[in-house]
Structure formats: structure tokens, C-alpha cells
Amino acid sequence: MSFRLFFIVAICTLGVLGGQAPSSQADEQAPESYQVEFETSAGNFTVEVTRKWAPNGADRFYELVQKEFYKECRFFRVIPGFMVQWGIHSDPGVQKNWRGATIPDDPTVASNQKGFITYATSGPNSRTTQMFINYGDNARLDNQGFAPFGRVIKGMDVVEKINPKHSEDPDQKLMQVQGNAYLKANFPDLDYIKSIKLLK
């Protein structure tokens, strides 16, 4: 498939839930390993993060989870055999705050294999809040700046049944300015994140 759209994908978000805009550095350093449980409309799954794979990505994800940034986020790009993507905030006001909060690139240590979680990117040092889980062997992404920072250790069957009906149809520009109001009106059956929490 063409990766042009994939690279565009990362014009995303990271919203300080109120307050000043976030910086390019996470609030604190994450543990060397931690687990995060996603409760979604499709079921639950757990991701284990390994900080040494991608320190900047792991630290930012740790921050976002604690701020509940991903609560109510829709899985808006689902391509069977390739990946499932999310990370544009439900509230466009919050999304606007985080749009420019990019983090520095990490060298690619782990490979984009099935179940590995990775930030979307639109070029060097452009990662913000959008991320995806690989549905298969996507090692071709390894030398393009896509550095995995964790992997699904429980519930991959749930990840694979996230609704793929709308593929890449949702308009990311409209998502940026209208948030979930746009998605609920036009794609009401998208699966979404109900809650997300640190396990350890």
C-alpha cells in the first residue's frame, strides 16, 4: 500500500487537559518497564512498555496515560493485516494544545512486528500523540523512523477485532477541529477507548 497517507497521519495531538501547552519533554521519566490496560468498546487489552526501546516515546506515553489523554479516543484508522491507529483527542480544544508538542526521535531498536505499539510520524522529530499497533510483520517501517516502544502482552485478539468497517475514511482534518462530534455524527460505530490505566 502507499505510505503517503500513513506519514500524513501524525499531525496529531497531545493536550494538556487545561493549562499551558505541553513541552517537547515529558513531565517525568517513565519506569524502565510498565504495563497499561486499555478498556475499549471491543474489550480489554494490555500493553507492556520497555523504555530502553524508545525512551522519549515511553516517557511521553507514560505522561499521556496519567493525564487520561486517550479516554474516549476513537480507533479511526483500521487496516486489517497492517495496523490500527488512534490518538486524536475527543475535545478539539485539548487537541489544539498538543498538536505542536512533538518529541525527539528515538533510534529504532525493536521491530514493527505483530502486537508492537509505535507512534505515527510525518517526518523527523514529528511524533506527538497518535500511535498504532501493528497487525502483522511491518519491519519495512523500521528504517523510516517508526520506533516501537512496547507490545501487547494480553488481549491481542481484542485488538484484532476492533471495527475495520471504515478503514481510512474518517477525515483527520475534521477530527482535529471538531473532535468526537464529527466522528459520532458520521462514524458512530467506531470502537473507542473507555479508560486507560497504569497497572504497574
N, C-alpha and C. Protein backbone atom coordinates (compact mmCIF):
# COMPACT_ATOMS: atom_id res chain seq x y z
N MET A 1 0.84 -1.19 0.00
CA MET A 1 0.00 0.00 0.00
C MET A 1 0.88 1.25 0.00
N SER A 2 0.32 2.39 -0.38
CA SER A 2 1.07 3.64 -0.35
C SER A 2 1.22 4.11 1.09
N PHE A 3 2.42 4.61 1.41
CA PHE A 3 2.63 5.09 2.77
C PHE A 3 2.48 6.60 2.88
N ARG A 4 2.13 7.25 1.78
CA ARG A 4 1.99 8.70 1.84
C ARG A 4 0.96 9.10 2.88
N LEU A 5 -0.20 8.44 2.86
CA LEU A 5 -1.24 8.75 3.84
C LEU A 5 -0.78 8.40 5.23
N PHE A 6 0.03 7.33 5.33
CA PHE A 6 0.48 6.91 6.65
C PHE A 6 1.34 7.97 7.29
N PHE A 7 2.16 8.65 6.49
CA PHE A 7 3.04 9.66 7.06
C PHE A 7 2.26 10.92 7.44
N ILE A 8 1.23 11.20 6.68
CA ILE A 8 0.41 12.38 6.97
C ILE A 8 -0.29 12.20 8.31
N VAL A 9 -0.52 10.94 8.62
CA VAL A 9 -1.28 10.56 9.79
C VAL A 9 -0.90 11.24 11.09
N ALA A 10 0.33 11.66 11.21
CA ALA A 10 0.77 12.09 12.53
C ALA A 10 0.56 13.53 12.89
N ILE A 11 -0.17 14.29 12.14
CA ILE A 11 -0.43 15.66 12.55
C ILE A 11 -1.35 15.56 13.73
N CYS A 12 -0.83 15.24 14.89
CA CYS A 12 -1.76 14.93 15.95
C CYS A 12 -1.66 15.82 17.13
N THR A 13 -1.92 15.22 18.28
CA THR A 13 -2.38 15.94 19.38
C THR A 13 -1.72 15.54 20.64
N LEU A 14 -1.74 16.33 21.55
CA LEU A 14 -1.34 15.98 22.87
C LEU A 14 -1.86 17.07 23.72
N GLY A 15 -2.86 16.97 24.38
CA GLY A 15 -3.42 18.10 25.00
C GLY A 15 -3.28 18.14 26.47
N VAL A 16 -2.67 19.16 26.91
CA VAL A 16 -2.66 19.39 28.33
C VAL A 16 -4.10 19.56 28.65
N LEU A 17 -4.61 18.82 29.59
CA LEU A 17 -6.03 18.87 29.89
C LEU A 17 -6.28 20.15 30.64
N GLY A 18 -6.25 21.25 29.91
CA GLY A 18 -6.33 22.56 30.51
C GLY A 18 -4.91 23.06 30.77
N GLY A 19 -4.72 24.36 30.98
CA GLY A 19 -3.41 24.88 31.33
C GLY A 19 -2.56 25.17 30.11
N GLN A 20 -1.27 25.42 30.36
CA GLN A 20 -0.38 25.82 29.28
C GLN A 20 -0.06 24.65 28.36
N ALA A 21 0.41 24.98 27.19
CA ALA A 21 0.72 23.94 26.20
C ALA A 21 1.88 23.08 26.70
N PRO A 22 1.87 21.79 26.36
CA PRO A 22 2.93 20.88 26.80
C PRO A 22 4.24 21.17 26.09
N SER A 23 5.32 20.68 26.67
CA SER A 23 6.64 20.89 26.07
C SER A 23 7.04 19.66 25.27
N SER A 24 8.22 19.73 24.67
CA SER A 24 8.71 18.61 23.88
C SER A 24 9.30 17.51 24.76
N GLN A 25 9.34 17.75 26.07
CA GLN A 25 9.81 16.75 27.01
C GLN A 25 8.66 16.32 27.91
N ALA A 26 8.60 15.05 28.25
CA ALA A 26 7.56 14.55 29.14
C ALA A 26 7.77 15.11 30.55
N ASP A 27 6.72 15.08 31.34
CA ASP A 27 6.77 15.61 32.70
C ASP A 27 7.78 14.89 33.58
N GLU A 28 7.92 13.59 33.37
CA GLU A 28 8.83 12.80 34.20
C GLU A 28 9.32 11.59 33.42
N GLN A 29 10.41 11.02 33.90
CA GLN A 29 10.93 9.81 33.26
C GLN A 29 10.09 8.62 33.67
N ALA A 30 9.74 7.81 32.71
CA ALA A 30 8.93 6.62 32.98
C ALA A 30 9.80 5.53 33.59
N PRO A 31 9.16 4.56 34.25
CA PRO A 31 9.91 3.38 34.73
C PRO A 31 10.52 2.64 33.55
N GLU A 32 11.51 1.82 33.81
CA GLU A 32 12.15 1.06 32.74
C GLU A 32 11.19 0.10 32.07
N SER A 33 10.18 -0.35 32.80
CA SER A 33 9.13 -1.20 32.24
C SER A 33 7.83 -0.90 32.98
N TYR A 34 6.75 -0.79 32.25
CA TYR A 34 5.44 -0.59 32.89
C TYR A 34 4.36 -1.14 31.98
N GLN A 35 3.21 -1.43 32.59
CA GLN A 35 2.09 -2.00 31.84
C GLN A 35 0.88 -1.06 31.89
N VAL A 36 0.15 -1.02 30.81
CA VAL A 36 -1.01 -0.16 30.68
C VAL A 36 -2.19 -0.99 30.17
N GLU A 37 -3.31 -0.88 30.86
CA GLU A 37 -4.51 -1.60 30.44
C GLU A 37 -5.47 -0.65 29.73
N PHE A 38 -5.90 -1.05 28.55
CA PHE A 38 -6.90 -0.32 27.78
C PHE A 38 -8.25 -1.02 27.97
N GLU A 39 -9.25 -0.28 28.40
CA GLU A 39 -10.62 -0.78 28.39
C GLU A 39 -11.28 -0.14 27.18
N THR A 40 -11.72 -0.96 26.22
CA THR A 40 -12.29 -0.42 24.99
C THR A 40 -13.67 -1.00 24.74
N SER A 41 -14.35 -0.43 23.77
CA SER A 41 -15.68 -0.93 23.39
C SER A 41 -15.61 -2.31 22.76
N ALA A 42 -14.40 -2.74 22.37
CA ALA A 42 -14.22 -4.06 21.78
C ALA A 42 -13.74 -5.09 22.81
N GLY A 43 -13.38 -4.62 24.01
CA GLY A 43 -12.82 -5.48 25.04
C GLY A 43 -11.55 -4.86 25.60
N ASN A 44 -10.86 -5.59 26.45
CA ASN A 44 -9.67 -5.06 27.10
C ASN A 44 -8.39 -5.68 26.54
N PHE A 45 -7.33 -4.87 26.53
CA PHE A 45 -6.01 -5.40 26.19
C PHE A 45 -4.95 -4.66 27.01
N THR A 46 -3.80 -5.30 27.15
CA THR A 46 -2.72 -4.75 27.97
C THR A 46 -1.45 -4.60 27.15
N VAL A 47 -0.81 -3.45 27.31
CA VAL A 47 0.45 -3.16 26.63
C VAL A 47 1.56 -3.09 27.68
N GLU A 48 2.69 -3.70 27.39
CA GLU A 48 3.87 -3.58 28.24
C GLU A 48 4.89 -2.71 27.52
N VAL A 49 5.32 -1.65 28.19
CA VAL A 49 6.28 -0.72 27.61
C VAL A 49 7.68 -1.04 28.10
N THR A 50 8.64 -1.02 27.21
CA THR A 50 10.05 -1.22 27.54
C THR A 50 10.79 0.07 27.19
N ARG A 51 11.15 0.83 28.20
CA ARG A 51 11.67 2.18 27.97
C ARG A 51 12.95 2.18 27.12
N LYS A 52 13.81 1.20 27.27
CA LYS A 52 15.08 1.21 26.54
C LYS A 52 14.88 1.09 25.03
N TRP A 53 13.72 0.61 24.60
CA TRP A 53 13.45 0.53 23.17
C TRP A 53 13.29 1.92 22.56
N ALA A 54 12.64 2.84 23.29
CA ALA A 54 12.37 4.19 22.77
C ALA A 54 12.08 5.10 23.96
N PRO A 55 13.11 5.62 24.63
CA PRO A 55 12.93 6.39 25.86
C PRO A 55 12.00 7.60 25.73
N ASN A 56 12.15 8.38 24.67
CA ASN A 56 11.30 9.56 24.52
C ASN A 56 9.83 9.17 24.32
N GLY A 57 9.62 8.14 23.52
CA GLY A 57 8.26 7.67 23.29
C GLY A 57 7.64 7.08 24.54
N ALA A 58 8.42 6.30 25.29
CA ALA A 58 7.92 5.68 26.52
C ALA A 58 7.57 6.73 27.57
N ASP A 59 8.41 7.76 27.68
CA ASP A 59 8.16 8.82 28.67
C ASP A 59 6.90 9.60 28.32
N ARG A 60 6.73 9.93 27.05
CA ARG A 60 5.54 10.69 26.66
C ARG A 60 4.26 9.86 26.83
N PHE A 61 4.31 8.58 26.49
CA PHE A 61 3.15 7.71 26.67
C PHE A 61 2.78 7.62 28.15
N TYR A 62 3.78 7.50 29.01
CA TYR A 62 3.57 7.44 30.47
C TYR A 62 2.82 8.70 30.93
N GLU A 63 3.24 9.84 30.42
CA GLU A 63 2.59 11.11 30.76
C GLU A 63 1.14 11.14 30.26
N LEU A 64 0.94 10.73 29.03
CA LEU A 64 -0.41 10.76 28.44
C LEU A 64 -1.38 9.84 29.16
N VAL A 65 -0.90 8.67 29.54
CA VAL A 65 -1.75 7.73 30.26
C VAL A 65 -2.18 8.33 31.59
N GLN A 66 -1.25 8.93 32.32
CA GLN A 66 -1.58 9.52 33.63
C GLN A 66 -2.55 10.69 33.50
N LYS A 67 -2.49 11.38 32.39
CA LYS A 67 -3.39 12.52 32.16
C LYS A 67 -4.70 12.08 31.51
N GLU A 68 -4.86 10.77 31.29
CA GLU A 68 -6.07 10.20 30.68
C GLU A 68 -6.35 10.83 29.32
N PHE A 69 -5.30 11.14 28.61
CA PHE A 69 -5.45 11.78 27.30
C PHE A 69 -6.26 10.92 26.34
N TYR A 70 -6.08 9.61 26.39
CA TYR A 70 -6.69 8.74 25.40
C TYR A 70 -8.13 8.31 25.71
N LYS A 71 -8.65 8.72 26.84
CA LYS A 71 -10.03 8.38 27.18
C LYS A 71 -10.99 8.95 26.13
N GLU A 72 -11.85 8.12 25.61
CA GLU A 72 -12.84 8.47 24.58
C GLU A 72 -12.23 8.63 23.18
N CYS A 73 -10.94 8.37 23.03
CA CYS A 73 -10.35 8.41 21.68
C CYS A 73 -10.90 7.28 20.82
N ARG A 74 -11.20 7.59 19.57
CA ARG A 74 -11.69 6.59 18.63
C ARG A 74 -10.53 5.94 17.87
N PHE A 75 -10.71 4.65 17.54
CA PHE A 75 -9.78 3.96 16.64
C PHE A 75 -10.23 4.32 15.23
N PHE A 76 -9.62 5.36 14.66
CA PHE A 76 -10.15 5.95 13.44
C PHE A 76 -9.51 5.43 12.16
N ARG A 77 -8.46 4.64 12.28
CA ARG A 77 -7.80 4.10 11.08
C ARG A 77 -7.49 2.63 11.35
N VAL A 78 -8.22 1.75 10.72
CA VAL A 78 -8.09 0.32 10.97
C VAL A 78 -7.95 -0.41 9.64
N ILE A 79 -6.76 -0.97 9.42
CA ILE A 79 -6.48 -1.66 8.17
C ILE A 79 -6.06 -3.09 8.49
N PRO A 80 -6.95 -4.07 8.32
CA PRO A 80 -6.63 -5.46 8.64
C PRO A 80 -5.33 -5.90 7.96
N GLY A 81 -4.51 -6.60 8.71
CA GLY A 81 -3.24 -7.07 8.19
C GLY A 81 -2.13 -6.05 8.30
N PHE A 82 -2.48 -4.80 8.59
CA PHE A 82 -1.48 -3.74 8.67
C PHE A 82 -1.42 -3.11 10.07
N MET A 83 -2.46 -2.35 10.45
CA MET A 83 -2.39 -1.66 11.73
C MET A 83 -3.74 -1.08 12.15
N VAL A 84 -3.80 -0.67 13.46
CA VAL A 84 -4.94 0.07 14.00
C VAL A 84 -4.37 1.32 14.67
N GLN A 85 -4.96 2.46 14.38
CA GLN A 85 -4.41 3.76 14.83
C GLN A 85 -5.43 4.59 15.60
N TRP A 86 -4.91 5.36 16.54
CA TRP A 86 -5.73 6.29 17.34
C TRP A 86 -4.82 7.39 17.86
N GLY A 87 -5.42 8.37 18.61
CA GLY A 87 -4.58 9.37 19.26
C GLY A 87 -4.95 10.81 19.01
N ILE A 88 -6.10 11.08 18.38
CA ILE A 88 -6.60 12.45 18.25
C ILE A 88 -7.64 12.65 19.34
N HIS A 89 -7.44 13.64 20.18
CA HIS A 89 -8.28 13.83 21.36
C HIS A 89 -9.73 14.10 21.00
N SER A 90 -10.62 13.68 21.88
CA SER A 90 -12.05 13.86 21.66
C SER A 90 -12.47 15.33 21.67
N ASP A 91 -11.71 16.16 22.39
CA ASP A 91 -12.01 17.59 22.54
C ASP A 91 -11.03 18.39 21.67
N PRO A 92 -11.52 19.11 20.65
CA PRO A 92 -10.61 19.84 19.77
C PRO A 92 -9.81 20.92 20.48
N GLY A 93 -10.33 21.44 21.59
CA GLY A 93 -9.59 22.43 22.36
C GLY A 93 -8.34 21.84 22.98
N VAL A 94 -8.47 20.63 23.52
CA VAL A 94 -7.32 19.93 24.09
C VAL A 94 -6.37 19.53 22.98
N GLN A 95 -6.92 19.04 21.89
CA GLN A 95 -6.12 18.61 20.76
C GLN A 95 -5.24 19.75 20.24
N LYS A 96 -5.80 20.93 20.18
CA LYS A 96 -5.06 22.09 19.68
C LYS A 96 -3.82 22.35 20.52
N ASN A 97 -3.94 22.19 21.84
CA ASN A 97 -2.81 22.43 22.73
C ASN A 97 -1.64 21.49 22.45
N TRP A 98 -1.97 20.26 22.10
CA TRP A 98 -0.94 19.23 21.95
C TRP A 98 -0.41 19.06 20.54
N ARG A 99 -1.01 19.71 19.59
CA ARG A 99 -0.67 19.47 18.19
C ARG A 99 0.81 19.72 17.89
N GLY A 100 1.38 20.73 18.51
CA GLY A 100 2.78 21.04 18.26
C GLY A 100 3.75 20.48 19.27
N ALA A 101 3.26 19.63 20.17
CA ALA A 101 4.11 19.09 21.24
C ALA A 101 4.85 17.85 20.76
N THR A 102 5.75 18.06 19.83
CA THR A 102 6.50 16.94 19.26
C THR A 102 7.61 16.49 20.21
N ILE A 103 7.96 15.23 20.09
CA ILE A 103 9.07 14.69 20.88
C ILE A 103 10.20 14.28 19.95
N PRO A 104 11.44 14.31 20.44
CA PRO A 104 12.58 13.92 19.59
C PRO A 104 12.47 12.45 19.17
N ASP A 105 13.01 12.15 18.03
CA ASP A 105 13.03 10.77 17.54
C ASP A 105 13.86 9.87 18.46
N ASP A 106 13.49 8.61 18.48
CA ASP A 106 14.28 7.57 19.13
C ASP A 106 14.85 6.66 18.04
N PRO A 107 16.05 6.14 18.21
CA PRO A 107 16.54 5.12 17.28
C PRO A 107 15.62 3.91 17.32
N THR A 108 15.45 3.24 16.21
CA THR A 108 14.61 2.05 16.18
C THR A 108 15.41 0.86 16.69
N VAL A 109 14.98 0.34 17.85
CA VAL A 109 15.64 -0.80 18.49
C VAL A 109 14.82 -2.07 18.27
N ALA A 110 13.55 -2.02 18.65
CA ALA A 110 12.65 -3.14 18.41
C ALA A 110 12.07 -3.02 16.99
N SER A 111 11.53 -4.12 16.48
CA SER A 111 10.97 -4.12 15.13
C SER A 111 9.45 -4.04 15.16
N ASN A 112 8.89 -3.52 14.08
CA ASN A 112 7.44 -3.39 13.96
C ASN A 112 6.81 -4.74 13.59
N GLN A 113 6.77 -5.61 14.57
CA GLN A 113 6.17 -6.92 14.41
C GLN A 113 4.74 -6.91 14.96
N LYS A 114 4.02 -7.97 14.74
CA LYS A 114 2.64 -8.07 15.21
C LYS A 114 2.56 -7.81 16.71
N GLY A 115 1.67 -6.91 17.09
CA GLY A 115 1.44 -6.62 18.50
C GLY A 115 2.29 -5.50 19.06
N PHE A 116 3.27 -5.01 18.29
CA PHE A 116 4.12 -3.93 18.79
C PHE A 116 3.46 -2.57 18.56
N ILE A 117 3.64 -1.67 19.53
CA ILE A 117 3.00 -0.36 19.51
C ILE A 117 4.03 0.71 19.19
N THR A 118 3.66 1.65 18.32
CA THR A 118 4.58 2.61 17.72
C THR A 118 3.85 3.94 17.48
N TYR A 119 4.55 5.05 17.59
CA TYR A 119 3.97 6.35 17.25
C TYR A 119 3.89 6.52 15.74
N ALA A 120 2.83 7.18 15.29
CA ALA A 120 2.78 7.63 13.91
C ALA A 120 3.75 8.81 13.77
N THR A 121 4.23 9.04 12.57
CA THR A 121 5.16 10.14 12.34
C THR A 121 4.97 10.68 10.94
N SER A 122 5.22 11.96 10.77
CA SER A 122 5.13 12.57 9.44
C SER A 122 6.49 13.03 8.96
N GLY A 123 7.54 12.62 9.66
CA GLY A 123 8.90 13.02 9.30
C GLY A 123 9.76 13.10 10.55
N PRO A 124 11.00 13.53 10.44
CA PRO A 124 11.91 13.59 11.58
C PRO A 124 11.35 14.43 12.73
N ASN A 125 11.45 13.89 13.95
CA ASN A 125 11.08 14.60 15.18
C ASN A 125 9.65 15.17 15.15
N SER A 126 8.72 14.39 14.62
CA SER A 126 7.33 14.88 14.47
C SER A 126 6.32 14.09 15.30
N ARG A 127 6.78 13.17 16.14
CA ARG A 127 5.83 12.35 16.91
C ARG A 127 5.11 13.20 17.96
N THR A 128 3.82 12.99 18.11
CA THR A 128 3.05 13.69 19.13
C THR A 128 2.24 12.69 19.94
N THR A 129 0.98 12.48 19.59
CA THR A 129 0.12 11.60 20.39
C THR A 129 -0.48 10.44 19.62
N GLN A 130 -0.44 10.47 18.31
CA GLN A 130 -1.03 9.38 17.54
C GLN A 130 -0.09 8.18 17.54
N MET A 131 -0.69 7.01 17.64
CA MET A 131 0.08 5.77 17.67
C MET A 131 -0.72 4.65 17.03
N PHE A 132 -0.04 3.54 16.81
CA PHE A 132 -0.71 2.41 16.20
C PHE A 132 -0.13 1.11 16.74
N ILE A 133 -0.92 0.05 16.60
CA ILE A 133 -0.47 -1.31 16.92
C ILE A 133 -0.41 -2.07 15.61
N ASN A 134 0.72 -2.72 15.39
CA ASN A 134 0.91 -3.50 14.17
C ASN A 134 0.07 -4.77 14.19
N TYR A 135 -0.57 -5.05 13.07
CA TYR A 135 -1.35 -6.28 12.92
C TYR A 135 -0.53 -7.41 12.32
N GLY A 136 0.64 -7.12 11.82
CA GLY A 136 1.46 -8.14 11.19
C GLY A 136 2.91 -7.72 11.18
N ASP A 137 3.70 -8.38 10.36
CA ASP A 137 5.12 -8.07 10.23
C ASP A 137 5.27 -6.83 9.35
N ASN A 138 5.54 -5.69 10.00
CA ASN A 138 5.73 -4.43 9.28
C ASN A 138 7.16 -3.93 9.42
N ALA A 139 8.11 -4.85 9.37
CA ALA A 139 9.51 -4.50 9.55
C ALA A 139 9.98 -3.47 8.53
N ARG A 140 9.28 -3.34 7.42
CA ARG A 140 9.65 -2.34 6.41
C ARG A 140 9.58 -0.91 6.98
N LEU A 141 8.87 -0.74 8.11
CA LEU A 141 8.77 0.58 8.72
C LEU A 141 9.96 0.92 9.61
N ASP A 142 10.77 -0.09 9.93
CA ASP A 142 11.82 0.09 10.93
C ASP A 142 12.84 1.16 10.55
N ASN A 143 13.13 1.29 9.28
CA ASN A 143 14.14 2.27 8.87
C ASN A 143 13.53 3.58 8.40
N GLN A 144 12.24 3.80 8.78
CA GLN A 144 11.54 5.02 8.37
C GLN A 144 11.15 5.88 9.57
N GLY A 145 11.76 5.62 10.73
CA GLY A 145 11.51 6.46 11.89
C GLY A 145 10.42 5.95 12.82
N PHE A 146 9.89 4.77 12.55
CA PHE A 146 8.83 4.20 13.38
C PHE A 146 9.46 3.28 14.44
N ALA A 147 9.67 3.81 15.63
CA ALA A 147 10.38 3.09 16.69
C ALA A 147 9.39 2.54 17.73
N PRO A 148 9.13 1.24 17.74
CA PRO A 148 8.23 0.66 18.74
C PRO A 148 8.74 0.92 20.16
N PHE A 149 7.79 1.12 21.08
CA PHE A 149 8.17 1.35 22.48
C PHE A 149 7.52 0.34 23.42
N GLY A 150 6.73 -0.58 22.89
CA GLY A 150 6.08 -1.58 23.72
C GLY A 150 5.38 -2.61 22.85
N ARG A 151 4.69 -3.54 23.52
CA ARG A 151 3.97 -4.57 22.77
C ARG A 151 2.76 -5.03 23.57
N VAL A 152 1.79 -5.55 22.87
CA VAL A 152 0.59 -6.10 23.51
C VAL A 152 0.96 -7.45 24.12
N ILE A 153 0.72 -7.59 25.43
CA ILE A 153 1.03 -8.85 26.10
C ILE A 153 -0.24 -9.62 26.49
N LYS A 154 -1.38 -8.97 26.35
CA LYS A 154 -2.66 -9.63 26.67
C LYS A 154 -3.76 -8.97 25.85
N GLY A 155 -4.59 -9.79 25.23
CA GLY A 155 -5.75 -9.28 24.51
C GLY A 155 -5.50 -8.90 23.06
N MET A 156 -4.50 -9.49 22.43
CA MET A 156 -4.28 -9.18 21.02
C MET A 156 -5.48 -9.58 20.18
N ASP A 157 -6.22 -10.58 20.61
CA ASP A 157 -7.44 -10.96 19.90
C ASP A 157 -8.46 -9.82 19.93
N VAL A 158 -8.46 -9.05 21.01
CA VAL A 158 -9.34 -7.89 21.11
C VAL A 158 -8.90 -6.81 20.12
N VAL A 159 -7.60 -6.55 20.10
CA VAL A 159 -7.05 -5.55 19.18
C VAL A 159 -7.41 -5.89 17.73
N GLU A 160 -7.38 -7.17 17.41
CA GLU A 160 -7.64 -7.60 16.03
C GLU A 160 -9.12 -7.56 15.65
N LYS A 161 -10.00 -7.42 16.64
CA LYS A 161 -11.42 -7.34 16.29
C LYS A 161 -11.98 -5.91 16.38
N ILE A 162 -11.09 -4.92 16.57
CA ILE A 162 -11.53 -3.52 16.53
C ILE A 162 -12.14 -3.25 15.15
N ASN A 163 -13.27 -2.58 15.14
CA ASN A 163 -14.08 -2.42 13.93
C ASN A 163 -13.29 -1.82 12.75
N PRO A 164 -13.12 -2.60 11.67
CA PRO A 164 -12.37 -2.11 10.50
C PRO A 164 -13.26 -1.55 9.39
N LYS A 165 -14.54 -1.44 9.67
CA LYS A 165 -15.53 -1.10 8.63
C LYS A 165 -15.16 0.15 7.84
N HIS A 166 -14.66 1.17 8.53
CA HIS A 166 -14.44 2.47 7.87
C HIS A 166 -13.00 2.69 7.41
N SER A 167 -12.14 1.72 7.62
CA SER A 167 -10.77 1.75 7.11
C SER A 167 -10.09 3.09 7.38
N GLU A 168 -9.82 3.86 6.33
CA GLU A 168 -9.17 5.17 6.45
C GLU A 168 -10.12 6.31 6.11
N ASP A 169 -11.42 6.08 6.18
CA ASP A 169 -12.41 7.07 5.75
C ASP A 169 -12.49 8.33 6.62
N PRO A 170 -12.41 8.23 7.95
CA PRO A 170 -12.53 9.46 8.75
C PRO A 170 -11.50 10.51 8.34
N ASP A 171 -11.95 11.76 8.22
CA ASP A 171 -11.11 12.88 7.79
C ASP A 171 -10.37 13.43 9.01
N GLN A 172 -9.06 13.28 9.01
CA GLN A 172 -8.28 13.71 10.17
C GLN A 172 -8.31 15.22 10.38
N LYS A 173 -8.43 15.99 9.32
CA LYS A 173 -8.51 17.44 9.48
C LYS A 173 -9.78 17.82 10.23
N LEU A 174 -10.88 17.16 9.88
CA LEU A 174 -12.14 17.44 10.57
C LEU A 174 -12.09 16.94 12.02
N MET A 175 -11.39 15.83 12.23
CA MET A 175 -11.23 15.33 13.60
C MET A 175 -10.47 16.34 14.44
N GLN A 176 -9.47 16.97 13.86
CA GLN A 176 -8.67 17.95 14.59
C GLN A 176 -9.51 19.14 15.06
N VAL A 177 -10.44 19.58 14.23
CA VAL A 177 -11.19 20.80 14.55
C VAL A 177 -12.56 20.54 15.18
N GLN A 178 -13.09 19.31 15.01
CA GLN A 178 -14.41 19.02 15.56
C GLN A 178 -14.41 17.92 16.61
N GLY A 179 -13.33 17.18 16.71
CA GLY A 179 -13.23 16.13 17.72
C GLY A 179 -14.24 15.02 17.53
N ASN A 180 -14.69 14.47 18.65
CA ASN A 180 -15.62 13.34 18.59
C ASN A 180 -16.99 13.71 18.05
N ALA A 181 -17.32 15.00 18.05
CA ALA A 181 -18.62 15.40 17.50
C ALA A 181 -18.72 14.99 16.03
N TYR A 182 -17.63 15.18 15.31
CA TYR A 182 -17.58 14.78 13.89
C TYR A 182 -17.68 13.27 13.75
N LEU A 183 -16.93 12.53 14.57
CA LEU A 183 -16.92 11.08 14.45
C LEU A 183 -18.25 10.46 14.88
N LYS A 184 -18.84 10.96 15.94
CA LYS A 184 -20.11 10.41 16.40
C LYS A 184 -21.22 10.64 15.37
N ALA A 185 -21.15 11.76 14.67
CA ALA A 185 -22.18 12.08 13.68
C ALA A 185 -22.01 11.26 12.40
N ASN A 186 -20.78 10.98 12.03
CA ASN A 186 -20.52 10.34 10.74
C ASN A 186 -20.05 8.89 10.81
N PHE A 187 -19.46 8.51 11.93
CA PHE A 187 -18.95 7.14 12.10
C PHE A 187 -19.28 6.66 13.52
N PRO A 188 -20.56 6.57 13.85
CA PRO A 188 -20.96 6.26 15.22
C PRO A 188 -20.57 4.88 15.71
N ASP A 189 -20.20 3.98 14.81
CA ASP A 189 -19.88 2.62 15.21
C ASP A 189 -18.37 2.37 15.36
N LEU A 190 -17.56 3.42 15.33
CA LEU A 190 -16.14 3.23 15.58
C LEU A 190 -15.92 2.73 17.01
N ASP A 191 -15.02 1.78 17.18
CA ASP A 191 -14.64 1.38 18.54
C ASP A 191 -13.79 2.49 19.16
N TYR A 192 -13.77 2.50 20.50
CA TYR A 192 -13.09 3.59 21.19
C TYR A 192 -12.56 3.14 22.55
N ILE A 193 -11.71 3.98 23.14
CA ILE A 193 -11.12 3.71 24.45
C ILE A 193 -12.02 4.25 25.54
N LYS A 194 -12.51 3.38 26.40
CA LYS A 194 -13.35 3.81 27.52
C LYS A 194 -12.50 4.35 28.67
N SER A 195 -11.42 3.67 28.95
CA SER A 195 -10.50 4.11 30.01
C SER A 195 -9.14 3.49 29.76
N ILE A 196 -8.14 4.07 30.41
CA ILE A 196 -6.78 3.58 30.26
C ILE A 196 -6.07 3.82 31.59
N LYS A 197 -5.34 2.81 32.07
CA LYS A 197 -4.70 2.97 33.39
C LYS A 197 -3.39 2.21 33.48
N LEU A 198 -2.51 2.72 34.35
CA LEU A 198 -1.26 2.04 34.65
C LEU A 198 -1.54 0.87 35.57
N LEU A 199 -0.95 -0.27 35.27
CA LEU A 199 -1.08 -1.44 36.14
C LEU A 199 0.11 -1.56 37.08
N LYS A 200 1.31 -1.27 36.58
CA LYS A 200 2.49 -1.30 37.41
C LYS A 200 3.64 -0.63 36.68
